[in-house]
Protein backbone atom coordinates (compact mmCIF):
# COMPACT_ATOMS: atom_id res chain seq x y z
CA MET A 1 -82.66 -141.27 -102.26
CA GLN A 2 -84.26 -142.93 -104.91
CA THR A 3 -83.51 -146.55 -106.15
CA PRO A 4 -80.98 -147.09 -108.59
CA ASN A 5 -83.55 -147.39 -111.35
CA ALA A 6 -85.32 -144.03 -110.23
CA ARG A 7 -81.82 -142.45 -110.13
CA ILE A 8 -81.22 -143.60 -113.80
CA VAL A 9 -84.87 -142.33 -114.69
CA ALA A 10 -84.07 -138.73 -113.17
CA ALA A 11 -80.68 -138.59 -114.60
CA ALA A 12 -82.00 -139.34 -118.13
CA LEU A 13 -84.39 -136.62 -117.72
CA PHE A 14 -81.80 -133.98 -116.52
CA ALA A 15 -79.79 -135.42 -119.81
CA SER A 16 -82.85 -134.78 -121.81
CA THR A 17 -83.79 -131.13 -120.44
CA ALA A 18 -80.02 -130.05 -120.40
CA ALA A 19 -79.64 -131.09 -124.14
CA THR A 20 -82.43 -129.02 -125.42
CA ALA A 21 -82.03 -125.95 -122.76
CA ALA A 22 -81.43 -122.77 -124.48
CA PRO A 23 -77.62 -121.43 -123.90
CA ALA A 24 -79.00 -118.72 -122.08
CA SER A 25 -79.21 -119.56 -118.05
CA ASP A 26 -81.63 -118.04 -115.45
CA TRP A 27 -79.43 -117.79 -112.69
CA ARG A 28 -81.09 -116.55 -108.81
CA MET A 29 -78.99 -116.04 -105.95
CA ILE A 30 -80.38 -118.17 -103.00
CA ALA A 31 -77.91 -117.82 -100.42
CA ARG A 32 -75.06 -115.79 -99.44
CA ASP A 33 -72.38 -115.89 -96.47
CA ALA A 34 -69.23 -114.26 -95.53
CA GLU A 35 -67.11 -116.36 -98.35
CA VAL A 36 -69.53 -117.61 -101.13
CA VAL A 37 -72.72 -116.32 -102.90
CA HIS A 38 -74.94 -119.61 -104.09
CA TYR A 39 -76.93 -119.54 -107.40
CA VAL A 40 -79.55 -121.86 -108.95
CA ASP A 41 -80.09 -122.03 -112.66
CA ALA A 42 -84.04 -121.97 -112.39
CA GLY A 43 -84.00 -123.21 -115.74
CA SER A 44 -82.03 -126.38 -115.07
CA VAL A 45 -84.22 -127.72 -112.49
CA ALA A 46 -85.42 -131.19 -113.78
CA ARG A 47 -87.82 -133.23 -111.74
CA ALA A 48 -88.42 -137.12 -111.62
CA GLY A 49 -90.60 -138.10 -108.50
CA SER A 50 -89.13 -136.68 -105.39
CA THR A 51 -85.91 -136.41 -106.97
CA VAL A 52 -84.41 -132.92 -108.61
CA LEU A 53 -81.77 -132.21 -110.40
CA PHE A 54 -80.09 -128.71 -111.09
CA MET A 55 -77.17 -126.61 -111.76
CA GLY A 56 -75.77 -124.48 -109.07
CA GLN A 57 -72.97 -121.96 -108.97
CA MET A 58 -70.77 -121.00 -106.16
CA VAL A 59 -69.21 -117.61 -106.55
CA TYR A 60 -66.14 -116.99 -103.81
CA LEU A 61 -66.49 -113.50 -102.60
CA VAL A 62 -62.69 -113.98 -101.88
CA PRO A 63 -61.07 -116.61 -103.86
CA MET A 64 -60.57 -120.04 -102.52
CA ARG A 65 -56.90 -120.79 -102.36
CA LEU A 66 -55.99 -124.37 -102.96
CA GLU A 67 -52.71 -126.22 -102.91
CA ALA A 68 -49.62 -124.82 -104.71
CA GLY A 69 -51.43 -121.16 -104.36
CA ILE A 70 -54.06 -121.84 -107.02
CA GLU A 71 -57.10 -119.29 -106.54
CA VAL A 72 -60.86 -120.88 -107.37
CA GLU A 73 -62.66 -117.88 -108.49
CA ARG A 74 -66.39 -119.94 -108.94
CA ALA A 75 -67.65 -123.28 -109.26
CA LEU A 76 -70.55 -124.93 -111.52
CA VAL A 77 -72.18 -127.76 -109.56
CA ARG A 78 -74.31 -130.17 -110.68
CA ARG A 79 -76.69 -131.04 -107.53
CA GLU A 80 -79.04 -134.09 -106.90
CA ALA A 81 -81.76 -133.71 -104.10
CA ASP A 82 -84.39 -135.73 -102.69
CA CYS A 83 -87.40 -133.23 -101.85
CA GLU A 84 -89.24 -135.52 -99.20
CA THR A 85 -86.13 -136.28 -96.94
CA MET A 86 -83.84 -133.21 -98.01
CA GLN A 87 -80.89 -135.04 -98.49
CA GLY A 88 -78.79 -134.39 -101.55
CA ARG A 89 -75.29 -134.75 -103.09
CA ILE A 90 -72.91 -132.83 -105.45
CA VAL A 91 -72.99 -134.90 -109.00
CA GLN A 92 -70.46 -132.87 -111.06
CA ILE A 93 -68.19 -130.05 -110.13
CA THR A 94 -66.35 -127.61 -112.14
CA LEU A 95 -63.85 -125.16 -110.94
CA TYR A 96 -62.92 -122.08 -112.72
CA LEU A 97 -59.79 -120.60 -111.75
CA ALA A 98 -58.03 -116.81 -111.59
CA ASP A 99 -56.27 -117.59 -114.93
CA ASN A 100 -59.42 -119.15 -116.48
CA ARG A 101 -57.97 -122.78 -116.26
CA PHE A 102 -60.36 -125.18 -115.05
CA ASP A 103 -61.06 -128.66 -113.53
CA SER A 104 -63.94 -131.09 -113.60
CA TRP A 105 -64.84 -134.29 -111.96
CA LEU A 106 -67.91 -136.41 -111.33
CA ASP A 107 -68.62 -136.91 -107.64
CA GLU A 108 -69.84 -140.37 -106.37
CA SER A 109 -70.17 -139.15 -102.75
CA PRO A 110 -73.53 -140.36 -100.74
CA ALA A 111 -76.25 -138.17 -100.03
CA GLU A 112 -76.37 -136.59 -97.17
CA PRO A 113 -78.95 -134.41 -95.07
CA ALA A 114 -78.96 -130.82 -95.53
CA ALA A 115 -78.63 -128.76 -92.43
CA THR A 116 -81.40 -126.54 -91.14
CA GLY A 117 -80.62 -123.09 -92.53
CA SER A 118 -77.51 -124.09 -94.46
CA ALA A 119 -76.88 -123.24 -97.85
CA ALA A 120 -77.50 -126.57 -99.15
CA ASP A 121 -80.65 -126.45 -97.41
CA ALA A 122 -81.74 -123.24 -99.16
CA LEU A 123 -80.52 -124.81 -102.69
CA TYR A 124 -82.82 -127.78 -102.06
CA ARG A 125 -85.81 -126.10 -101.04
CA ALA A 126 -85.58 -123.47 -103.95
CA ALA A 127 -84.89 -126.54 -106.54
CA CYS A 128 -88.00 -128.48 -105.09
CA THR A 129 -90.48 -126.04 -104.91
CA ARG A 130 -89.45 -123.85 -107.93
CA SER A 131 -89.49 -120.77 -105.66
CA PHE A 132 -86.46 -118.77 -106.63
CA GLY A 133 -87.27 -115.18 -105.24
CA GLY A 134 -85.37 -112.25 -106.66
CA PRO A 135 -84.64 -111.55 -110.16
CA SER A 136 -82.63 -113.19 -112.85
CA ILE A 137 -78.93 -112.56 -112.78
CA ALA A 138 -77.00 -112.59 -116.09
CA ASP A 139 -73.66 -112.59 -114.64
CA PRO A 140 -73.30 -114.47 -111.25
CA PRO A 141 -69.38 -113.50 -110.72
CA ALA A 142 -70.06 -109.70 -111.81
CA HIS A 143 -73.00 -109.79 -109.34
CA ALA A 144 -70.91 -111.60 -106.40
CA ALA A 145 -67.98 -108.46 -107.12
CA ALA A 146 -70.91 -106.10 -106.76
CA LEU A 147 -72.07 -107.65 -103.54
CA ARG A 148 -68.44 -107.82 -102.27
CA ARG A 149 -67.76 -104.12 -103.01
CA ALA A 150 -70.97 -103.12 -101.32
CA GLY A 151 -69.70 -104.75 -98.06
């Protein structure tokens, strides 16, 4: 990953981009497995040097059950990735629950390499190359629900 100063510059670039972005998002489906559909907001990608910051959304095909029976339907995830090393980390995560309550926190975990072929690898490659493929998806939860119904 970048040095602390480069990370500050990247964070400032992302903050300035996010603050001026239109409220509409340009969600693109990037990866899917049996449990989760992964999306990137193509309009949120901000790059400083080899570092990209972007918003992702994980929509659970079957709600993820937490302690006390709480079911998470989706998560908005701010990610940071180094395009040269393909290492990345979650910067912030916000969980959306079945009853519309949410929880959000900053994550200070260190960067980790993305395993080849993993969802993280697909997300980082899409953000680094700005190659999103597929159409814009206005409502990722509704899109994921349609995928679930289709099997």
